[in-house]
């Protein structure tokens, strides 16, 4: 929109605005930044986010598209590597028997709200008895911030006798000790 273009300090009228870049993602490794406007893929103009998503989604794993990016009044080229989509959900029992009965998924939003969502918790399950509830957002494992499902799984598996989960429950920060 004209207002968004003005706020970003650009005169670009079409493209896809980058609103989030996850740590350790191909986008971050390629140098994409929040506020960048992707204007082309392999030299072909991009009009909007849906068009970008479709083009990238049709590319083969391992492809390295050249993205034309408008940033700070200049056009730069970044080249991310297309990877296989990350896992969308994880059964807690596959991580640790103490989390059985819970399902975890990546969550969108602000990191301080938690990047791992607890989507289901079976009543009476080990995860429920430990204090997890559906809708919880996990912010940390053993006092280390967690951002991806892969990172969450690795940290839980290395958690030891007690796993301390930082939780955001409807805006209220909590600590849940899993033993």
Protein backbone atom coordinates (compact mmCIF):
# COMPACT_ATOMS: atom_id res chain seq x y z
CA UNK A 1 0.00 0.00 0.00
CA UNK A 2 1.15 3.60 -0.38
CA UNK A 3 1.19 4.01 3.41
CA UNK A 4 3.37 0.91 3.88
CA UNK A 5 5.72 2.04 1.12
CA UNK A 6 6.04 5.43 2.82
CA UNK A 7 6.68 3.82 6.22
CA UNK A 8 9.41 1.64 4.67
CA UNK A 9 10.91 4.66 2.92
CA UNK A 10 10.54 3.18 -0.56
CA UNK A 11 8.88 4.17 -3.80
CA UNK A 12 8.35 0.51 -4.80
CA UNK A 13 4.68 -0.07 -5.58
CA UNK A 14 4.66 -3.87 -6.00
CA UNK A 15 6.41 -6.74 -4.28
CA UNK A 16 6.30 -8.90 -1.17
CA UNK A 17 7.25 -7.30 2.15
CA UNK A 18 9.31 -9.46 4.50
CA UNK A 19 7.59 -9.31 7.89
CA UNK A 20 9.51 -12.02 9.75
CA UNK A 21 12.84 -13.82 9.33
CA UNK A 22 13.36 -16.85 11.56
CA UNK A 23 16.81 -17.40 13.02
CA UNK A 24 18.88 -20.06 11.22
CA UNK A 25 16.41 -20.16 8.32
CA UNK A 26 17.57 -20.10 4.69
CA UNK A 27 16.14 -16.56 4.51
CA UNK A 28 18.30 -15.42 7.45
CA UNK A 29 21.37 -17.17 6.06
CA UNK A 30 20.85 -15.44 2.70
CA UNK A 31 20.65 -12.05 4.42
CA UNK A 32 16.95 -11.20 4.13
CA UNK A 33 15.78 -8.66 6.70
CA UNK A 34 12.43 -7.55 8.06
CA UNK A 35 11.24 -4.63 5.93
CA UNK A 36 12.89 -5.88 2.73
CA UNK A 37 10.61 -5.83 -0.32
CA UNK A 38 11.13 -8.78 -2.66
CA UNK A 39 10.53 -7.46 -6.16
CA UNK A 40 11.73 -10.34 -8.35
CA UNK A 41 12.56 -14.05 -8.46
CA UNK A 42 15.19 -15.08 -11.00
CA UNK A 43 14.62 -11.83 -12.88
CA UNK A 44 10.81 -12.15 -13.05
CA UNK A 45 8.78 -9.41 -11.35
CA UNK A 46 6.86 -10.27 -8.14
CA UNK A 47 3.62 -8.36 -7.55
CA UNK A 48 2.64 -9.59 -4.07
CA UNK A 49 3.22 -12.14 -1.31
CA UNK A 50 0.89 -14.75 -2.80
CA UNK A 51 2.74 -14.69 -6.09
CA UNK A 52 6.08 -15.04 -4.28
CA UNK A 53 4.79 -17.96 -2.20
CA UNK A 54 3.54 -19.75 -5.33
CA UNK A 55 6.80 -19.30 -7.23
CA UNK A 56 9.00 -20.42 -4.35
CA UNK A 57 6.64 -23.31 -3.53
CA UNK A 58 7.03 -24.75 -7.04
CA UNK A 59 10.84 -24.79 -6.89
CA UNK A 60 12.82 -27.97 -6.32
CA UNK A 61 14.53 -28.64 -3.00
CA UNK A 62 18.09 -27.37 -3.27
CA UNK A 63 17.25 -24.63 -5.79
CA UNK A 64 18.95 -21.28 -5.24
CA UNK A 65 16.68 -18.56 -6.64
CA UNK A 66 18.06 -15.06 -7.07
CA UNK A 67 15.74 -12.69 -5.24
CA UNK A 68 15.74 -9.03 -6.20
CA UNK A 69 15.27 -7.14 -2.94
CA UNK A 70 14.60 -3.45 -2.45
CA UNK A 71 16.28 -2.30 0.78
CA UNK A 72 17.12 1.20 1.97
CA UNK A 73 16.61 2.73 -1.48
CA UNK A 74 18.77 0.18 -3.27
CA UNK A 75 18.16 -3.10 -5.03
CA UNK A 76 20.29 -6.01 -3.83
CA UNK A 77 20.27 -9.69 -4.74
CA UNK A 78 20.05 -12.46 -2.16
CA UNK A 79 20.18 -16.18 -2.92
CA UNK A 80 18.53 -18.47 -0.34
CA UNK A 81 18.51 -22.25 -0.70
CA UNK A 82 15.10 -23.91 -0.96
CA UNK A 83 14.78 -26.57 1.74
CA UNK A 84 12.13 -29.12 2.58
CA UNK A 85 9.28 -27.69 4.63
CA UNK A 86 9.84 -28.05 8.31
CA UNK A 87 7.80 -30.43 10.36
CA UNK A 88 4.41 -28.93 11.22
CA UNK A 89 3.71 -30.77 14.48
CA UNK A 90 5.40 -33.06 16.97
CA UNK A 91 3.88 -35.58 19.34
CA UNK A 92 5.30 -34.96 22.81
CA UNK A 93 5.83 -38.68 23.44
CA UNK A 94 8.34 -38.74 20.56
CA UNK A 95 10.46 -36.18 22.43
CA UNK A 96 10.17 -37.39 26.01
CA UNK A 97 7.68 -39.72 27.72
CA UNK A 98 6.97 -36.96 30.26
CA UNK A 99 5.42 -34.91 27.42
CA UNK A 100 3.12 -37.71 26.24
CA UNK A 101 -0.38 -36.48 25.48
CA UNK A 102 0.74 -33.09 24.12
CA UNK A 103 1.14 -31.94 20.53
CA UNK A 104 3.49 -29.08 19.64
CA UNK A 105 3.56 -26.87 16.52
CA UNK A 106 5.46 -23.80 15.40
CA UNK A 107 3.64 -20.62 16.44
CA UNK A 108 3.68 -17.33 14.63
CA UNK A 109 3.86 -13.96 16.29
CA UNK A 110 6.35 -12.25 18.49
CA UNK A 111 9.18 -14.29 20.06
CA UNK A 112 8.35 -13.04 23.56
CA UNK A 113 4.92 -14.69 23.17
CA UNK A 114 6.58 -18.03 22.43
CA UNK A 115 7.46 -19.62 19.11
CA UNK A 116 6.31 -23.15 20.00
CA UNK A 117 2.59 -23.66 20.47
CA UNK A 118 0.97 -26.40 22.54
CA UNK A 119 -1.95 -27.34 20.31
CA UNK A 120 -3.41 -30.28 22.23
CA UNK A 121 -3.02 -31.76 25.70
CA UNK A 122 -5.00 -34.86 26.62
CA UNK A 123 -6.58 -34.55 30.04
CA UNK A 124 -4.91 -36.87 32.54
CA UNK A 125 -1.84 -37.40 30.31
CA UNK A 126 1.72 -36.98 31.64
CA UNK A 127 1.94 -33.57 29.89
CA UNK A 128 -1.36 -32.46 31.49
CA UNK A 129 -0.26 -33.65 34.92
CA UNK A 130 3.01 -31.74 34.47
CA UNK A 131 1.02 -28.54 33.96
CA UNK A 132 0.89 -28.01 30.19
CA UNK A 133 -2.37 -26.78 28.67
CA UNK A 134 -3.66 -26.38 25.14
CA UNK A 135 -2.93 -22.85 23.95
CA UNK A 136 0.29 -22.49 25.95
CA UNK A 137 3.20 -20.94 24.07
CA UNK A 138 6.68 -22.15 24.98
CA UNK A 139 9.29 -19.41 25.17
CA UNK A 140 12.25 -21.30 26.63
CA UNK A 141 13.65 -24.67 27.65
CA UNK A 142 15.98 -24.74 30.65
CA UNK A 143 16.19 -20.92 30.53
CA UNK A 144 17.32 -20.83 26.89
CA UNK A 145 15.05 -19.16 24.34
CA UNK A 146 13.55 -21.58 21.82
CA UNK A 147 12.45 -20.53 18.32
CA UNK A 148 12.00 -23.66 16.19
CA UNK A 149 10.46 -27.11 16.60
CA UNK A 150 13.82 -28.70 15.81
CA UNK A 151 15.53 -26.62 18.50
CA UNK A 152 12.71 -27.41 20.97
CA UNK A 153 13.03 -31.15 20.34
CA UNK A 154 16.82 -31.08 20.70
CA UNK A 155 16.65 -29.11 23.94
CA UNK A 156 13.97 -31.37 25.46
CA UNK A 157 15.95 -34.51 24.58
CA UNK A 158 19.01 -33.04 26.33
CA UNK A 159 16.93 -31.75 29.24
CA UNK A 160 17.98 -34.14 31.96
CA UNK A 161 15.99 -35.12 35.05
CA UNK A 162 14.06 -31.85 35.16
CA UNK A 163 13.05 -29.86 32.11
CA UNK A 164 12.15 -26.24 32.92
CA UNK A 165 9.74 -24.82 30.34
CA UNK A 166 9.11 -21.09 30.09
CA UNK A 167 5.44 -20.73 29.14
CA UNK A 168 3.27 -17.84 28.04
CA UNK A 169 -0.32 -18.67 28.96
CA UNK A 170 -2.69 -16.01 27.64
CA UNK A 171 -0.15 -13.27 28.31
CA UNK A 172 0.96 -14.57 31.71
CA UNK A 173 4.53 -15.89 31.95
CA UNK A 174 4.92 -19.16 33.86
CA UNK A 175 7.62 -21.71 34.57
CA UNK A 176 6.67 -25.39 34.40
CA UNK A 177 9.08 -28.01 35.74
CA UNK A 178 8.73 -31.36 33.98
CA UNK A 179 10.07 -34.27 36.06
